[in-house]
């Protein structure tokens, strides 16, 4: 399956949008009393597993066959991830300071804020026992930044993939043998979830080598089984490897379905805005819950619960899209332009090595 004329692999882009809405669903069902009774399946967090597998795949695809320096790789990944996260984290802090009554259970400390902005895993002062930053969805970015650091280091080796996979597998093995750790950093970076990025990187390598092309019926069956595993997350006998296998099957299956290589404007928009949807959906859901309460509505019946969730996802998508259009994209354009200028000033050799 070839990338679109813009260089985007459409099935992967579509899956990013689906993954973002899965996470929004997960947080949405916790907004009102009674919602979880109508929607008991806790599949929404599997969107994170999809994100991590996709992340490993994309990192391999965007650097394959290129002489990419670790420095330029890290610079571009920081530009891609950090600015929007920092802006929204600081926006949340501003709201907490201006209207503390809206966040009565939130404890904001200088240390937690600094660690959040620096992508350092730490125990949340607001949520006992949870390794969460101030902007809660940012916990996945602590992993992403770690993945990027390891991937950048692997670029210095001839056998990049082997070094990356071996490192991640060793860390997970250390967690099994020596853990569980009390230290939040050690606990985070020995979690089995690290293997999802490794799996995505392996998929990318095999895809480039032409070793993952499957007949459409096989791909469809694999993707359906994968989707079922994502819904059944943490189920025996695979436990937390259930969602890993599910995400792998969904990604591989989607790549091999030619129907998904056709342009769909709605799915493409959701995919393009997936990062903005992911980071803003907490704000959107909170505002929607407030509006619902002001209208004196409840979610005690299935029709009303369904209405709340459908409108919640639609609002998350709309707010995320406008955030992508008016905030994320201008930030990226400005910072990427600055990076290109610095690379140009540093000489032609640096330009040639930039990803």
C-alpha atoms as a PDB file:
ATOM      1  CA  UNK A   1       0.000   0.000   0.000  1.00  0.00           C
ATOM      2  CA  UNK A   2       1.501   3.291  -1.099  1.00  0.00           C
ATOM      3  CA  UNK A   3       1.299   6.573   0.792  1.00  0.00           C
ATOM      4  CA  UNK A   4      -1.150   9.180  -0.463  1.00  0.00           C
ATOM      5  CA  UNK A   5       0.197  12.000  -2.673  1.00  0.00           C
ATOM      6  CA  UNK A   6       0.850  13.969   0.522  1.00  0.00           C
ATOM      7  CA  UNK A   7       3.083  11.194   1.883  1.00  0.00           C
ATOM      8  CA  UNK A   8       0.508  10.054   4.458  1.00  0.00           C
ATOM      9  CA  UNK A   9      -0.367   6.361   4.844  1.00  0.00           C
ATOM     10  CA  UNK A  10      -4.125   6.775   5.004  1.00  0.00           C
ATOM     11  CA  UNK A  11      -5.075   3.639   7.012  1.00  0.00           C
ATOM     12  CA  UNK A  12      -2.645   4.672   9.755  1.00  0.00           C
ATOM     13  CA  UNK A  13      -3.975   8.219   9.727  1.00  0.00           C
ATOM     14  CA  UNK A  14      -7.521   6.934  10.013  1.00  0.00           C
ATOM     15  CA  UNK A  15      -6.560   4.699  12.944  1.00  0.00           C
ATOM     16  CA  UNK A  16      -5.058   7.689  14.754  1.00  0.00           C
ATOM     17  CA  UNK A  17      -8.424   9.424  14.651  1.00  0.00           C
ATOM     18  CA  UNK A  18     -10.201   6.291  15.853  1.00  0.00           C
ATOM     19  CA  UNK A  19      -7.692   5.897  18.699  1.00  0.00           C
ATOM     20  CA  UNK A  20      -8.217   9.496  19.847  1.00  0.00           C
ATOM     21  CA  UNK A  21     -11.995   9.058  19.943  1.00  0.00           C
ATOM     22  CA  UNK A  22     -11.599   5.774  21.838  1.00  0.00           C
ATOM     23  CA  UNK A  23      -9.763   7.619  24.599  1.00  0.00           C
ATOM     24  CA  UNK A  24     -12.398  10.365  24.550  1.00  0.00           C
ATOM     25  CA  UNK A  25     -15.062   7.672  24.949  1.00  0.00           C
ATOM     26  CA  UNK A  26     -13.185   6.222  27.923  1.00  0.00           C
ATOM     27  CA  UNK A  27     -13.201   9.535  29.752  1.00  0.00           C
ATOM     28  CA  UNK A  28     -16.689  10.399  28.533  1.00  0.00           C
ATOM     29  CA  UNK A  29     -18.389   7.487  30.287  1.00  0.00           C
ATOM     30  CA  UNK A  30     -17.014   8.744  33.582  1.00  0.00           C
ATOM     31  CA  UNK A  31     -18.565  12.180  33.273  1.00  0.00           C
ATOM     32  CA  UNK A  32     -22.041  11.428  34.660  1.00  0.00           C
ATOM     33  CA  UNK A  33     -23.490   8.996  37.203  1.00  0.00           C
ATOM     34  CA  UNK A  34     -25.089   6.033  35.511  1.00  0.00           C
ATOM     35  CA  UNK A  35     -23.190   6.172  32.217  1.00  0.00           C
ATOM     36  CA  UNK A  36     -20.866   3.287  33.064  1.00  0.00           C
ATOM     37  CA  UNK A  37     -23.882   1.080  33.809  1.00  0.00           C
ATOM     38  CA  UNK A  38     -25.073   1.548  30.225  1.00  0.00           C
ATOM     39  CA  UNK A  39     -21.597   1.187  28.685  1.00  0.00           C
ATOM     40  CA  UNK A  40     -19.708  -1.323  30.865  1.00  0.00           C
ATOM     41  CA  UNK A  41     -17.026  -2.316  28.354  1.00  0.00           C
ATOM     42  CA  UNK A  42     -13.802  -0.451  29.161  1.00  0.00           C
ATOM     43  CA  UNK A  43     -12.251  -0.604  25.705  1.00  0.00           C
ATOM     44  CA  UNK A  44     -11.510   3.110  25.373  1.00  0.00           C
ATOM     45  CA  UNK A  45      -8.052   2.942  26.933  1.00  0.00           C
ATOM     46  CA  UNK A  46      -7.033   0.566  24.141  1.00  0.00           C
ATOM     47  CA  UNK A  47      -6.784   3.694  22.029  1.00  0.00           C
ATOM     48  CA  UNK A  48      -3.497   4.380  23.818  1.00  0.00           C
ATOM     49  CA  UNK A  49      -2.206   0.932  22.812  1.00  0.00           C
ATOM     50  CA  UNK A  50      -3.065   1.708  19.201  1.00  0.00           C
ATOM     51  CA  UNK A  51      -1.248   5.039  19.493  1.00  0.00           C
ATOM     52  CA  UNK A  52       1.938   3.413  20.781  1.00  0.00           C
ATOM     53  CA  UNK A  53       2.040   0.747  18.061  1.00  0.00           C
ATOM     54  CA  UNK A  54       1.344   3.409  15.428  1.00  0.00           C
ATOM     55  CA  UNK A  55       4.080   5.610  16.904  1.00  0.00           C
ATOM     56  CA  UNK A  56       6.724   2.907  16.506  1.00  0.00           C
ATOM     57  CA  UNK A  57       5.544   2.251  12.949  1.00  0.00           C
ATOM     58  CA  UNK A  58       5.690   5.921  11.986  1.00  0.00           C
ATOM     59  CA  UNK A  59       9.158   6.461  13.472  1.00  0.00           C
ATOM     60  CA  UNK A  60      10.554   3.652  11.320  1.00  0.00           C
ATOM     61  CA  UNK A  61       8.683   4.717   8.191  1.00  0.00           C
ATOM     62  CA  UNK A  62       9.806   8.350   8.413  1.00  0.00           C
ATOM     63  CA  UNK A  63      13.491   7.533   8.964  1.00  0.00           C
ATOM     64  CA  UNK A  64      13.960   4.446   6.780  1.00  0.00           C
ATOM     65  CA  UNK A  65      16.757   4.793   4.267  1.00  0.00           C
ATOM     66  CA  UNK A  66      17.740   8.208   5.595  1.00  0.00           C
ATOM     67  CA  UNK A  67      20.875   9.359   7.346  1.00  0.00           C
ATOM     68  CA  UNK A  68      19.108  11.028  10.243  1.00  0.00           C
ATOM     69  CA  UNK A  69      21.094  12.543  13.074  1.00  0.00           C
ATOM     70  CA  UNK A  70      19.862  11.961  16.635  1.00  0.00           C
ATOM     71  CA  UNK A  71      19.843  15.724  17.222  1.00  0.00           C
ATOM     72  CA  UNK A  72      17.658  16.590  14.252  1.00  0.00           C
ATOM     73  CA  UNK A  73      15.312  13.699  15.059  1.00  0.00           C
ATOM     74  CA  UNK A  74      14.810  14.840  18.650  1.00  0.00           C
ATOM     75  CA  UNK A  75      14.379  18.462  17.585  1.00  0.00           C
ATOM     76  CA  UNK A  76      11.602  17.570  15.160  1.00  0.00           C
ATOM     77  CA  UNK A  77       9.840  15.293  17.625  1.00  0.00           C
ATOM     78  CA  UNK A  78       9.961  17.948  20.345  1.00  0.00           C
ATOM     79  CA  UNK A  79       8.479  20.469  17.946  1.00  0.00           C
ATOM     80  CA  UNK A  80       5.758  18.004  17.009  1.00  0.00           C
ATOM     81  CA  UNK A  81       4.740  17.091  20.564  1.00  0.00           C
ATOM     82  CA  UNK A  82       5.771  19.679  23.137  1.00  0.00           C
ATOM     83  CA  UNK A  83       4.351  23.112  22.150  1.00  0.00           C
ATOM     84  CA  UNK A  84       0.660  22.181  22.086  1.00  0.00           C
ATOM     85  CA  UNK A  85       1.016  20.143  25.272  1.00  0.00           C
ATOM     86  CA  UNK A  86       2.758  23.004  27.050  1.00  0.00           C
ATOM     87  CA  UNK A  87       0.161  25.558  25.936  1.00  0.00           C
ATOM     88  CA  UNK A  88      -2.762  23.399  27.064  1.00  0.00           C
ATOM     89  CA  UNK A  89      -1.083  22.464  30.359  1.00  0.00           C
ATOM     90  CA  UNK A  90      -0.507  26.131  31.159  1.00  0.00           C
ATOM     91  CA  UNK A  91      -4.072  26.929  30.103  1.00  0.00           C
ATOM     92  CA  UNK A  92      -5.327  24.341  32.576  1.00  0.00           C
ATOM     93  CA  UNK A  93      -3.123  25.831  35.295  1.00  0.00           C
ATOM     94  CA  UNK A  94      -4.542  29.291  34.561  1.00  0.00           C
ATOM     95  CA  UNK A  95      -8.110  28.005  34.887  1.00  0.00           C
ATOM     96  CA  UNK A  96      -7.236  26.249  38.160  1.00  0.00           C
ATOM     97  CA  UNK A  97      -5.780  29.466  39.568  1.00  0.00           C
ATOM     98  CA  UNK A  98      -8.601  31.717  38.351  1.00  0.00           C
ATOM     99  CA  UNK A  99     -11.496  29.399  39.230  1.00  0.00           C
ATOM    100  CA  UNK A 100     -10.286  26.922  41.868  1.00  0.00           C
ATOM    101  CA  UNK A 101     -13.880  25.942  42.713  1.00  0.00           C
ATOM    102  CA  UNK A 102     -14.072  24.124  39.357  1.00  0.00           C
ATOM    103  CA  UNK A 103     -11.169  21.892  40.363  1.00  0.00           C
ATOM    104  CA  UNK A 104     -11.728  21.288  44.061  1.00  0.00           C
ATOM    105  CA  UNK A 105      -9.917  17.934  44.012  1.00  0.00           C
ATOM    106  CA  UNK A 106      -6.940  19.213  42.028  1.00  0.00           C
ATOM    107  CA  UNK A 107      -3.721  19.864  43.931  1.00  0.00           C
ATOM    108  CA  UNK A 108      -1.288  22.007  41.965  1.00  0.00           C
ATOM    109  CA  UNK A 109       2.332  22.166  43.097  1.00  0.00           C
ATOM    110  CA  UNK A 110       5.378  23.809  41.461  1.00  0.00           C
ATOM    111  CA  UNK A 111       7.196  20.462  41.428  1.00  0.00           C
ATOM    112  CA  UNK A 112       4.339  18.646  39.714  1.00  0.00           C
ATOM    113  CA  UNK A 113       3.987  21.408  37.127  1.00  0.00           C
ATOM    114  CA  UNK A 114       7.713  21.409  36.353  1.00  0.00           C
ATOM    115  CA  UNK A 115       7.833  17.618  36.063  1.00  0.00           C
ATOM    116  CA  UNK A 116       4.759  17.665  33.852  1.00  0.00           C
ATOM    117  CA  UNK A 117       6.251  20.200  31.447  1.00  0.00           C
ATOM    118  CA  UNK A 118       9.556  18.283  31.342  1.00  0.00           C
ATOM    119  CA  UNK A 119       7.868  14.913  30.689  1.00  0.00           C
ATOM    120  CA  UNK A 120       9.164  13.408  33.938  1.00  0.00           C
ATOM    121  CA  UNK A 121       6.953  10.646  35.384  1.00  0.00           C
ATOM    122  CA  UNK A 122       5.892  11.454  38.939  1.00  0.00           C
ATOM    123  CA  UNK A 123       3.198  10.610  41.431  1.00  0.00           C
ATOM    124  CA  UNK A 124       0.229  12.915  41.040  1.00  0.00           C
ATOM    125  CA  UNK A 125      -0.536  15.088  44.094  1.00  0.00           C
ATOM    126  CA  UNK A 126      -4.194  15.042  43.008  1.00  0.00           C
ATOM    127  CA  UNK A 127      -4.701  11.345  42.231  1.00  0.00           C
ATOM    128  CA  UNK A 128      -3.232   9.025  44.855  1.00  0.00           C
ATOM    129  CA  UNK A 129      -0.979   6.336  43.433  1.00  0.00           C
ATOM    130  CA  UNK A 130      -1.296   7.509  39.813  1.00  0.00           C
ATOM    131  CA  UNK A 131       1.697   8.546  37.721  1.00  0.00           C
ATOM    132  CA  UNK A 132      -0.086  11.413  36.011  1.00  0.00           C
ATOM    133  CA  UNK A 133       0.943  14.958  35.010  1.00  0.00           C
ATOM    134  CA  UNK A 134      -1.182  18.058  35.586  1.00  0.00           C
ATOM    135  CA  UNK A 135      -2.891  17.536  32.211  1.00  0.00           C
ATOM    136  CA  UNK A 136      -3.758  13.886  32.765  1.00  0.00           C
ATOM    137  CA  UNK A 137      -3.694  12.626  29.134  1.00  0.00           C
ATOM    138  CA  UNK A 138      -0.063  13.757  29.046  1.00  0.00           C
ATOM    139  CA  UNK A 139       0.987  10.566  30.872  1.00  0.00           C
ATOM    140  CA  UNK A 140       1.322   8.906  27.470  1.00  0.00           C
ATOM    141  CA  UNK A 141       3.707  11.659  26.354  1.00  0.00           C
ATOM    142  CA  UNK A 142       6.116  10.645  29.111  1.00  0.00           C
ATOM    143  CA  UNK A 143       6.359   7.319  27.294  1.00  0.00           C
ATOM    144  CA  UNK A 144       6.536   8.930  23.861  1.00  0.00           C
ATOM    145  CA  UNK A 145       9.457  11.136  24.838  1.00  0.00           C
ATOM    146  CA  UNK A 146      11.263   8.106  26.229  1.00  0.00           C
ATOM    147  CA  UNK A 147      10.587   6.218  22.997  1.00  0.00           C
ATOM    148  CA  UNK A 148      11.969   9.134  20.993  1.00  0.00           C
ATOM    149  CA  UNK A 149      15.108   9.305  23.129  1.00  0.00           C
ATOM    150  CA  UNK A 150      15.778   5.578  22.660  1.00  0.00           C
ATOM    151  CA  UNK A 151      14.979   5.765  18.956  1.00  0.00           C
ATOM    152  CA  UNK A 152      17.345   8.720  18.536  1.00  0.00           C
ATOM    153  CA  UNK A 153      20.098   6.784  20.291  1.00  0.00           C
ATOM    154  CA  UNK A 154      19.474   3.757  18.048  1.00  0.00           C
ATOM    155  CA  UNK A 155      20.139   5.912  14.976  1.00  0.00           C
ATOM    156  CA  UNK A 156      23.826   5.797  15.842  1.00  0.00           C
ATOM    157  CA  UNK A 157      23.872   2.025  15.236  1.00  0.00           C
ATOM    158  CA  UNK A 158      23.916   0.109  11.995  1.00  0.00           C
ATOM    159  CA  UNK A 159      21.190  -2.294  13.149  1.00  0.00           C
ATOM    160  CA  UNK A 160      18.783   0.298  14.514  1.00  0.00           C
ATOM    161  CA  UNK A 161      15.782  -1.960  14.971  1.00  0.00           C
ATOM    162  CA  UNK A 162      17.658  -4.707  16.797  1.00  0.00           C
ATOM    163  CA  UNK A 163      19.161  -2.215  19.241  1.00  0.00           C
ATOM    164  CA  UNK A 164      15.806  -0.539  19.883  1.00  0.00           C
ATOM    165  CA  UNK A 165      13.843  -3.770  20.392  1.00  0.00           C
ATOM    166  CA  UNK A 166      16.554  -5.323  22.557  1.00  0.00           C
ATOM    167  CA  UNK A 167      16.674  -2.243  24.779  1.00  0.00           C
ATOM    168  CA  UNK A 168      12.917  -2.106  25.288  1.00  0.00           C
ATOM    169  CA  UNK A 169      12.693  -5.861  25.893  1.00  0.00           C
ATOM    170  CA  UNK A 170      15.512  -5.675  28.445  1.00  0.00           C
ATOM    171  CA  UNK A 171      13.749  -2.902  30.341  1.00  0.00           C
ATOM    172  CA  UNK A 172      10.499  -4.867  30.467  1.00  0.00           C
ATOM    173  CA  UNK A 173      12.381  -7.983  31.602  1.00  0.00           C
ATOM    174  CA  UNK A 174      14.020  -5.926  34.362  1.00  0.00           C
ATOM    175  CA  UNK A 175      10.565  -4.886  35.498  1.00  0.00           C
ATOM    176  CA  UNK A 176       9.458  -8.490  35.746  1.00  0.00           C
ATOM    177  CA  UNK A 177      12.580  -9.674  37.542  1.00  0.00           C
ATOM    178  CA  UNK A 178      13.280  -6.714  39.841  1.00  0.00           C
ATOM    179  CA  UNK A 179       9.935  -4.947  40.049  1.00  0.00           C
ATOM    180  CA  UNK A 180       7.421  -3.698  40.764  1.00  0.00           C
ATOM    181  CA  UNK A 181       9.286  -0.506  41.545  1.00  0.00           C
ATOM    182  CA  UNK A 182       8.157   2.193  43.941  1.00  0.00           C
ATOM    183  CA  UNK A 183      10.003   4.885  42.018  1.00  0.00           C
ATOM    184  CA  UNK A 184       7.613   6.305  39.364  1.00  0.00           C
ATOM    185  CA  UNK A 185      10.350   6.692  36.748  1.00  0.00           C
ATOM    186  CA  UNK A 186      11.549   3.102  37.173  1.00  0.00           C
ATOM    187  CA  UNK A 187       7.968   1.831  37.193  1.00  0.00           C
ATOM    188  CA  UNK A 188       7.086   3.732  34.040  1.00  0.00           C
ATOM    189  CA  UNK A 189      10.088   2.728  31.979  1.00  0.00           C
ATOM    190  CA  UNK A 190       9.918  -0.983  32.791  1.00  0.00           C
ATOM    191  CA  UNK A 191       6.203  -1.338  32.046  1.00  0.00           C
ATOM    192  CA  UNK A 192       5.217  -3.980  29.431  1.00  0.00           C
ATOM    193  CA  UNK A 193       3.538  -1.190  27.477  1.00  0.00           C
ATOM    194  CA  UNK A 194       7.032  -0.389  26.127  1.00  0.00           C
ATOM    195  CA  UNK A 195       6.723  -3.433  23.894  1.00  0.00           C
ATOM    196  CA  UNK A 196       3.940  -1.749  21.931  1.00  0.00           C
ATOM    197  CA  UNK A 197       6.329   0.809  20.486  1.00  0.00           C
ATOM    198  CA  UNK A 198       8.779  -2.007  19.719  1.00  0.00           C
ATOM    199  CA  UNK A 199       6.006  -3.952  17.967  1.00  0.00           C
ATOM    200  CA  UNK A 200       5.121  -0.929  15.859  1.00  0.00           C
ATOM    201  CA  UNK A 201       8.768  -0.495  14.864  1.00  0.00           C
ATOM    202  CA  UNK A 202       8.961  -4.164  13.825  1.00  0.00           C
ATOM    203  CA  UNK A 203       5.769  -3.774  11.772  1.00  0.00           C
ATOM    204  CA  UNK A 204       7.284  -0.752  10.022  1.00  0.00           C
ATOM    205  CA  UNK A 205      10.495  -2.644   9.240  1.00  0.00           C
ATOM    206  CA  UNK A 206       8.633  -5.679   7.877  1.00  0.00           C
ATOM    207  CA  UNK A 207       6.258  -3.471   5.898  1.00  0.00           C
ATOM    208  CA  UNK A 208       9.121  -1.675   4.187  1.00  0.00           C
ATOM    209  CA  UNK A 209      10.721  -5.040   3.398  1.00  0.00           C
ATOM    210  CA  UNK A 210       7.471  -6.238   1.803  1.00  0.00           C
ATOM    211  CA  UNK A 211       6.968  -9.097   4.262  1.00  0.00           C
ATOM    212  CA  UNK A 212       3.557  -8.162   5.627  1.00  0.00           C
ATOM    213  CA  UNK A 213       1.422  -8.099   2.507  1.00  0.00           C
ATOM    214  CA  UNK A 214      -1.632 -10.281   3.167  1.00  0.00           C
ATOM    215  CA  UNK A 215      -4.779 -11.107   1.189  1.00  0.00           C
ATOM    216  CA  UNK A 216      -7.681  -8.801   1.970  1.00  0.00           C
ATOM    217  CA  UNK A 217      -9.866 -11.542   3.568  1.00  0.00           C
ATOM    218  CA  UNK A 218      -7.016 -12.523   5.898  1.00  0.00           C
ATOM    219  CA  UNK A 219      -6.386  -8.880   6.744  1.00  0.00           C
ATOM    220  CA  UNK A 220     -10.059  -8.270   7.473  1.00  0.00           C
ATOM    221  CA  UNK A 221     -10.316 -11.295   9.755  1.00  0.00           C
ATOM    222  CA  UNK A 222      -7.096 -10.294  11.534  1.00  0.00           C
ATOM    223  CA  UNK A 223      -8.314  -6.722  12.051  1.00  0.00           C
ATOM    224  CA  UNK A 224     -11.661  -7.949  13.422  1.00  0.00           C
ATOM    225  CA  UNK A 225      -9.915 -10.313  15.844  1.00  0.00           C
ATOM    226  CA  UNK A 226      -7.612  -7.448  16.830  1.00  0.00           C
ATOM    227  CA  UNK A 227     -10.574  -5.153  17.474  1.00  0.00           C
ATOM    228  CA  UNK A 228     -12.157  -7.828  19.672  1.00  0.00           C
ATOM    229  CA  UNK A 229      -8.928  -8.154  21.652  1.00  0.00           C
ATOM    230  CA  UNK A 230      -8.835  -4.382  22.149  1.00  0.00           C
ATOM    231  CA  UNK A 231     -12.360  -4.548  23.557  1.00  0.00           C
ATOM    232  CA  UNK A 232     -11.413  -7.498  25.808  1.00  0.00           C
ATOM    233  CA  UNK A 233      -8.261  -5.756  27.084  1.00  0.00           C
ATOM    234  CA  UNK A 234      -6.469  -7.335  30.059  1.00  0.00           C
ATOM    235  CA  UNK A 235      -8.460 -10.543  29.614  1.00  0.00           C
ATOM    236  CA  UNK A 236      -6.905 -13.947  30.397  1.00  0.00           C
ATOM    237  CA  UNK A 237      -4.851 -15.776  29.330  1.00  0.00           C
ATOM    238  CA  UNK A 238      -2.796 -12.934  27.812  1.00  0.00           C
ATOM    239  CA  UNK A 239      -3.652 -10.328  30.484  1.00  0.00           C
ATOM    240  CA  UNK A 240      -2.176  -6.938  29.505  1.00  0.00           C
ATOM    241  CA  UNK A 241      -0.668  -8.436  26.358  1.00  0.00           C
ATOM    242  CA  UNK A 242      -4.219  -8.818  25.007  1.00  0.00           C
ATOM    243  CA  UNK A 243      -4.315  -5.210  23.812  1.00  0.00           C
ATOM    244  CA  UNK A 244      -0.765  -5.434  22.450  1.00  0.00           C
ATOM    245  CA  UNK A 245      -1.737  -8.314  20.187  1.00  0.00           C
ATOM    246  CA  UNK A 246      -5.005  -6.579  19.347  1.00  0.00           C
ATOM    247  CA  UNK A 247      -3.289  -3.346  18.307  1.00  0.00           C
ATOM    248  CA  UNK A 248      -0.760  -5.264  16.183  1.00  0.00           C
ATOM    249  CA  UNK A 249      -3.507  -7.182  14.352  1.00  0.00           C
ATOM    250  CA  UNK A 250      -5.553  -4.027  13.748  1.00  0.00           C
ATOM    251  CA  UNK A 251      -2.575  -2.091  12.368  1.00  0.00           C
ATOM    252  CA  UNK A 252      -1.327  -4.918  10.120  1.00  0.00           C
ATOM    253  CA  UNK A 253      -4.844  -5.721   8.947  1.00  0.00           C
ATOM    254  CA  UNK A 254      -5.634  -2.088   8.153  1.00  0.00           C
ATOM    255  CA  UNK A 255      -2.442  -1.665   6.163  1.00  0.00           C
ATOM    256  CA  UNK A 256      -3.463  -4.525   3.890  1.00  0.00           C
ATOM    257  CA  UNK A 257      -7.021  -3.413   3.193  1.00  0.00           C
ATOM    258  CA  UNK A 258      -7.001  -1.474  -0.056  1.00  0.00           C
ATOM    259  CA  UNK A 259     -10.393   0.054   0.736  1.00  0.00           C
ATOM    260  CA  UNK A 260      -8.745   2.045   3.528  1.00  0.00           C
ATOM    261  CA  UNK A 261      -6.289   3.581   1.092  1.00  0.00           C
ATOM    262  CA  UNK A 262      -9.059   5.698  -0.380  1.00  0.00           C
ATOM    263  CA  UNK A 263      -9.477   9.284   0.692  1.00  0.00           C
ATOM    264  CA  UNK A 264     -12.230   9.800   3.251  1.00  0.00           C
ATOM    265  CA  UNK A 265     -12.431  13.444   4.247  1.00  0.00           C
ATOM    266  CA  UNK A 266     -14.007  12.832   7.651  1.00  0.00           C
ATOM    267  CA  UNK A 267     -11.594  10.084   8.692  1.00  0.00           C
ATOM    268  CA  UNK A 268      -8.670  12.064   7.320  1.00  0.00           C
ATOM    269  CA  UNK A 269      -9.700  15.137   9.311  1.00  0.00           C
ATOM    270  CA  UNK A 270     -10.004  13.061  12.487  1.00  0.00           C
ATOM    271  CA  UNK A 271      -6.584  11.583  11.866  1.00  0.00           C
ATOM    272  CA  UNK A 272      -4.986  14.951  11.177  1.00  0.00           C
ATOM    273  CA  UNK A 273      -6.513  16.384  14.345  1.00  0.00           C
ATOM    274  CA  UNK A 274      -5.970  13.277  16.498  1.00  0.00           C
ATOM    275  CA  UNK A 275      -3.280  14.841  18.691  1.00  0.00           C
ATOM    276  CA  UNK A 276      -5.391  17.932  19.309  1.00  0.00           C
ATOM    277  CA  UNK A 277      -8.453  15.776  20.009  1.00  0.00           C
ATOM    278  CA  UNK A 278      -6.435  13.711  22.461  1.00  0.00           C
ATOM    279  CA  UNK A 279      -5.142  16.702  24.424  1.00  0.00           C
ATOM    280  CA  UNK A 280      -8.309  18.830  24.385  1.00  0.00           C
ATOM    281  CA  UNK A 281     -10.985  16.213  25.015  1.00  0.00           C
ATOM    282  CA  UNK A 282     -10.715  16.586  28.795  1.00  0.00           C
ATOM    283  CA  UNK A 283     -11.580  20.294  28.473  1.00  0.00           C
ATOM    284  CA  UNK A 284     -14.403  19.539  26.042  1.00  0.00           C
ATOM    285  CA  UNK A 285     -15.937  16.801  28.178  1.00  0.00           C
ATOM    286  CA  UNK A 286     -15.839  18.969  31.284  1.00  0.00           C
ATOM    287  CA  UNK A 287     -17.611  21.812  29.495  1.00  0.00           C
ATOM    288  CA  UNK A 288     -20.169  19.429  27.984  1.00  0.00           C
ATOM    289  CA  UNK A 289     -20.899  17.906  31.401  1.00  0.00           C
ATOM    290  CA  UNK A 290     -21.526  21.414  32.756  1.00  0.00           C
ATOM    291  CA  UNK A 291     -23.907  22.281  29.897  1.00  0.00           C
ATOM    292  CA  UNK A 292     -25.762  18.980  30.359  1.00  0.00           C
ATOM    293  CA  UNK A 293     -26.192  19.646  34.088  1.00  0.00           C
ATOM    294  CA  UNK A 294     -27.375  23.223  33.466  1.00  0.00           C
ATOM    295  CA  UNK A 295     -30.033  21.837  31.141  1.00  0.00           C
ATOM    296  CA  UNK A 296     -31.193  19.573  34.024  1.00  0.00           C
ATOM    297  CA  UNK A 297     -30.725  16.429  31.950  1.00  0.00           C
ATOM    298  CA  UNK A 298     -29.738  13.006  33.230  1.00  0.00           C
ATOM    299  CA  UNK A 299     -28.309   9.834  31.717  1.00  0.00           C
ATOM    300  CA  UNK A 300     -30.418   7.293  33.584  1.00  0.00           C
ATOM    301  CA  UNK A 301     -31.956   5.821  30.441  1.00  0.00           C
ATOM    302  CA  UNK A 302     -30.074   4.223  27.567  1.00  0.00           C
ATOM    303  CA  UNK A 303     -31.401   6.725  24.963  1.00  0.00           C
ATOM    304  CA  UNK A 304     -30.277   9.715  27.064  1.00  0.00           C
ATOM    305  CA  UNK A 305     -26.937   8.109  27.876  1.00  0.00           C
ATOM    306  CA  UNK A 306     -26.388   7.397  24.187  1.00  0.00           C
ATOM    307  CA  UNK A 307     -27.321  10.976  23.288  1.00  0.00           C
ATOM    308  CA  UNK A 308     -24.835  12.329  25.816  1.00  0.00           C
ATOM    309  CA  UNK A 309     -22.004  10.141  24.499  1.00  0.00           C
ATOM    310  CA  UNK A 310     -22.697  10.705  20.793  1.00  0.00           C
ATOM    311  CA  UNK A 311     -22.780  14.478  21.249  1.00  0.00           C
ATOM    312  CA  UNK A 312     -19.727  14.303  23.519  1.00  0.00           C
ATOM    313  CA  UNK A 313     -17.656  12.544  20.845  1.00  0.00           C
ATOM    314  CA  UNK A 314     -18.890  14.940  18.165  1.00  0.00           C
ATOM    315  CA  UNK A 315     -17.920  17.935  20.305  1.00  0.00           C
ATOM    316  CA  UNK A 316     -14.501  16.424  21.063  1.00  0.00           C
ATOM    317  CA  UNK A 317     -13.924  15.987  17.342  1.00  0.00           C
ATOM    318  CA  UNK A 318     -15.055  19.531  16.486  1.00  0.00           C
ATOM    319  CA  UNK A 319     -13.045  21.204  19.250  1.00  0.00           C
ATOM    320  CA  UNK A 320     -10.029  19.068  18.400  1.00  0.00           C
ATOM    321  CA  UNK A 321     -10.267  19.952  14.719  1.00  0.00           C
ATOM    322  CA  UNK A 322     -10.429  23.686  15.406  1.00  0.00           C
ATOM    323  CA  UNK A 323      -7.546  23.402  17.862  1.00  0.00           C
ATOM    324  CA  UNK A 324      -5.554  21.614  15.165  1.00  0.00           C
ATOM    325  CA  UNK A 325      -6.454  24.263  12.608  1.00  0.00           C
ATOM    326  CA  UNK A 326      -5.960  27.420  14.662  1.00  0.00           C
ATOM    327  CA  UNK A 327      -3.402  26.459  17.315  1.00  0.00           C
ATOM    328  CA  UNK A 328      -1.489  23.254  16.583  1.00  0.00           C
ATOM    329  CA  UNK A 329      -0.799  23.935  12.898  1.00  0.00           C
ATOM    330  CA  UNK A 330       0.395  27.561  13.343  1.00  0.00           C
ATOM    331  CA  UNK A 331       2.657  26.465  16.218  1.00  0.00           C
ATOM    332  CA  UNK A 332       4.141  23.680  14.103  1.00  0.00           C
ATOM    333  CA  UNK A 333       4.623  25.902  11.067  1.00  0.00           C
ATOM    334  CA  UNK A 334       6.374  28.626  13.046  1.00  0.00           C
ATOM    335  CA  UNK A 335       8.673  26.281  14.956  1.00  0.00           C
ATOM    336  CA  UNK A 336       9.503  24.138  11.922  1.00  0.00           C
ATOM    337  CA  UNK A 337      10.373  27.295   9.995  1.00  0.00           C
ATOM    338  CA  UNK A 338      12.739  28.272  12.794  1.00  0.00           C
ATOM    339  CA  UNK A 339      14.347  24.824  12.748  1.00  0.00           C
ATOM    340  CA  UNK A 340      14.832  24.946   8.977  1.00  0.00           C
ATOM    341  CA  UNK A 341      16.510  28.327   9.322  1.00  0.00           C
ATOM    342  CA  UNK A 342      18.900  27.018  11.966  1.00  0.00           C
ATOM    343  CA  UNK A 343      19.725  23.946   9.870  1.00  0.00           C
ATOM    344  CA  UNK A 344      20.317  26.110   6.805  1.00  0.00           C
ATOM    345  CA  UNK A 345      22.662  28.365   8.770  1.00  0.00           C
ATOM    346  CA  UNK A 346      24.597  25.363  10.038  1.00  0.00           C
ATOM    347  CA  UNK A 347      25.534  24.227   6.541  1.00  0.00           C
ATOM    348  CA  UNK A 348      24.342  22.012   3.662  1.00  0.00           C
ATOM    349  CA  UNK A 349      25.462  18.792   5.343  1.00  0.00           C
ATOM    350  CA  UNK A 350      23.051  19.331   8.193  1.00  0.00           C
ATOM    351  CA  UNK A 351      20.171  19.966   5.826  1.00  0.00           C
ATOM    352  CA  UNK A 352      20.822  16.706   4.015  1.00  0.00           C
ATOM    353  CA  UNK A 353      20.714  14.712   7.226  1.00  0.00           C
ATOM    354  CA  UNK A 354      17.530  16.215   8.626  1.00  0.00           C
ATOM    355  CA  UNK A 355      14.516  13.880   8.578  1.00  0.00           C
END
